[in-house]
């Protein structure tokens, strides 16, 4: 019915959210749990760098302990856009 699910991670949301007060920690707890759970359900997990791969493993310890490890796929960059300074021909 559904195709494969690919998750491309730039940085775990869990680390971007503030957990500074007890209210925020309580609010974020189910979101953080669901982020890890649903991320682990993807058929393929990709990250944008080796740094993000190590951050992913440190953040999602349950996935790492289950042997779920992301592959690195560096973002494509059109290097031709940098051949001349912007605005100059």
C-alpha atoms as a PDB file:
ATOM      1  CA  UNK A   1       0.000   0.000   0.000  1.00  0.00           C
ATOM      2  CA  UNK A   2       2.726   2.473   0.955  1.00  0.00           C
ATOM      3  CA  UNK A   3       6.210   2.848  -0.474  1.00  0.00           C
ATOM      4  CA  UNK A   4       9.423   2.944   1.472  1.00  0.00           C
ATOM      5  CA  UNK A   5       9.945   5.725   3.997  1.00  0.00           C
ATOM      6  CA  UNK A   6      13.248   7.616   3.916  1.00  0.00           C
ATOM      7  CA  UNK A   7      14.066   9.935   6.810  1.00  0.00           C
ATOM      8  CA  UNK A   8      16.738  12.577   6.083  1.00  0.00           C
ATOM      9  CA  UNK A   9      18.020  14.110   9.303  1.00  0.00           C
ATOM     10  CA  UNK A  10      19.806  17.455   9.431  1.00  0.00           C
ATOM     11  CA  UNK A  11      19.828  17.562  13.248  1.00  0.00           C
ATOM     12  CA  UNK A  12      17.610  15.908  15.883  1.00  0.00           C
ATOM     13  CA  UNK A  13      14.707  18.170  16.884  1.00  0.00           C
ATOM     14  CA  UNK A  14      15.048  16.918  20.428  1.00  0.00           C
ATOM     15  CA  UNK A  15      18.334  18.831  20.730  1.00  0.00           C
ATOM     16  CA  UNK A  16      16.947  22.024  19.214  1.00  0.00           C
ATOM     17  CA  UNK A  17      14.009  22.323  21.614  1.00  0.00           C
ATOM     18  CA  UNK A  18      14.461  24.103  24.909  1.00  0.00           C
ATOM     19  CA  UNK A  19      14.114  21.994  28.048  1.00  0.00           C
ATOM     20  CA  UNK A  20      14.796  24.833  30.484  1.00  0.00           C
ATOM     21  CA  UNK A  21      11.731  24.603  32.723  1.00  0.00           C
ATOM     22  CA  UNK A  22       9.756  21.745  34.208  1.00  0.00           C
ATOM     23  CA  UNK A  23       6.744  22.703  32.078  1.00  0.00           C
ATOM     24  CA  UNK A  24       8.822  22.511  28.894  1.00  0.00           C
ATOM     25  CA  UNK A  25      10.336  19.172  29.933  1.00  0.00           C
ATOM     26  CA  UNK A  26       6.864  17.736  30.617  1.00  0.00           C
ATOM     27  CA  UNK A  27       5.529  19.144  27.335  1.00  0.00           C
ATOM     28  CA  UNK A  28       8.488  17.797  25.327  1.00  0.00           C
ATOM     29  CA  UNK A  29       8.630  14.314  26.910  1.00  0.00           C
ATOM     30  CA  UNK A  30       5.974  12.689  24.679  1.00  0.00           C
ATOM     31  CA  UNK A  31       7.238  14.564  21.605  1.00  0.00           C
ATOM     32  CA  UNK A  32      10.806  13.388  22.230  1.00  0.00           C
ATOM     33  CA  UNK A  33       9.602   9.811  22.729  1.00  0.00           C
ATOM     34  CA  UNK A  34       7.546   9.911  19.529  1.00  0.00           C
ATOM     35  CA  UNK A  35      10.439  11.440  17.579  1.00  0.00           C
ATOM     36  CA  UNK A  36      12.669   8.496  18.451  1.00  0.00           C
ATOM     37  CA  UNK A  37       9.913   5.919  17.934  1.00  0.00           C
ATOM     38  CA  UNK A  38       8.755   7.185  14.540  1.00  0.00           C
ATOM     39  CA  UNK A  39      12.279   7.865  13.282  1.00  0.00           C
ATOM     40  CA  UNK A  40      13.113   4.239  13.978  1.00  0.00           C
ATOM     41  CA  UNK A  41      10.156   3.150  11.852  1.00  0.00           C
ATOM     42  CA  UNK A  42      11.690   4.559   8.671  1.00  0.00           C
ATOM     43  CA  UNK A  43      12.931   2.069   6.106  1.00  0.00           C
ATOM     44  CA  UNK A  44      16.098   4.111   5.541  1.00  0.00           C
ATOM     45  CA  UNK A  45      17.619   6.813   7.734  1.00  0.00           C
ATOM     46  CA  UNK A  46      20.054   9.271   6.190  1.00  0.00           C
ATOM     47  CA  UNK A  47      22.007  12.112   7.783  1.00  0.00           C
ATOM     48  CA  UNK A  48      23.849  15.000   6.178  1.00  0.00           C
ATOM     49  CA  UNK A  49      27.310  14.443   7.744  1.00  0.00           C
ATOM     50  CA  UNK A  50      29.420  12.191   9.925  1.00  0.00           C
ATOM     51  CA  UNK A  51      28.984  14.738  12.731  1.00  0.00           C
ATOM     52  CA  UNK A  52      25.196  14.411  12.486  1.00  0.00           C
ATOM     53  CA  UNK A  53      25.546  10.605  12.427  1.00  0.00           C
ATOM     54  CA  UNK A  54      27.427  10.683  15.741  1.00  0.00           C
ATOM     55  CA  UNK A  55      24.945  13.198  17.184  1.00  0.00           C
ATOM     56  CA  UNK A  56      22.084  10.987  16.010  1.00  0.00           C
ATOM     57  CA  UNK A  57      23.594   7.932  17.753  1.00  0.00           C
ATOM     58  CA  UNK A  58      24.198   9.872  20.985  1.00  0.00           C
ATOM     59  CA  UNK A  59      20.678  11.323  20.941  1.00  0.00           C
ATOM     60  CA  UNK A  60      18.707   8.248  19.905  1.00  0.00           C
ATOM     61  CA  UNK A  61      20.410   5.690  22.149  1.00  0.00           C
ATOM     62  CA  UNK A  62      17.532   3.210  21.873  1.00  0.00           C
ATOM     63  CA  UNK A  63      17.841   3.152  18.081  1.00  0.00           C
ATOM     64  CA  UNK A  64      21.612   2.842  18.303  1.00  0.00           C
ATOM     65  CA  UNK A  65      21.305  -0.090  20.733  1.00  0.00           C
ATOM     66  CA  UNK A  66      18.921  -1.775  18.260  1.00  0.00           C
ATOM     67  CA  UNK A  67      21.577  -1.471  15.546  1.00  0.00           C
ATOM     68  CA  UNK A  68      19.696   1.257  13.676  1.00  0.00           C
ATOM     69  CA  UNK A  69      22.429   3.433  12.248  1.00  0.00           C
ATOM     70  CA  UNK A  70      22.002   6.171   9.661  1.00  0.00           C
ATOM     71  CA  UNK A  71      23.932   6.343   6.421  1.00  0.00           C
ATOM     72  CA  UNK A  72      25.623   9.599   5.438  1.00  0.00           C
ATOM     73  CA  UNK A  73      24.345  11.350   2.316  1.00  0.00           C
ATOM     74  CA  UNK A  74      25.998  14.715   1.861  1.00  0.00           C
ATOM     75  CA  UNK A  75      23.720  17.434   0.444  1.00  0.00           C
ATOM     76  CA  UNK A  76      24.290  18.190  -3.217  1.00  0.00           C
ATOM     77  CA  UNK A  77      25.717  21.622  -3.942  1.00  0.00           C
ATOM     78  CA  UNK A  78      25.855  23.310  -7.325  1.00  0.00           C
ATOM     79  CA  UNK A  79      29.485  24.509  -7.230  1.00  0.00           C
ATOM     80  CA  UNK A  80      29.080  26.414 -10.514  1.00  0.00           C
ATOM     81  CA  UNK A  81      27.138  29.076  -8.620  1.00  0.00           C
ATOM     82  CA  UNK A  82      30.393  30.028  -6.879  1.00  0.00           C
ATOM     83  CA  UNK A  83      32.467  30.508 -10.043  1.00  0.00           C
ATOM     84  CA  UNK A  84      31.983  34.293  -9.933  1.00  0.00           C
ATOM     85  CA  UNK A  85      31.170  36.638  -7.054  1.00  0.00           C
ATOM     86  CA  UNK A  86      27.447  37.391  -6.765  1.00  0.00           C
ATOM     87  CA  UNK A  87      26.398  40.305  -8.960  1.00  0.00           C
ATOM     88  CA  UNK A  88      29.492  40.277 -11.159  1.00  0.00           C
ATOM     89  CA  UNK A  89      29.725  38.980 -14.735  1.00  0.00           C
END
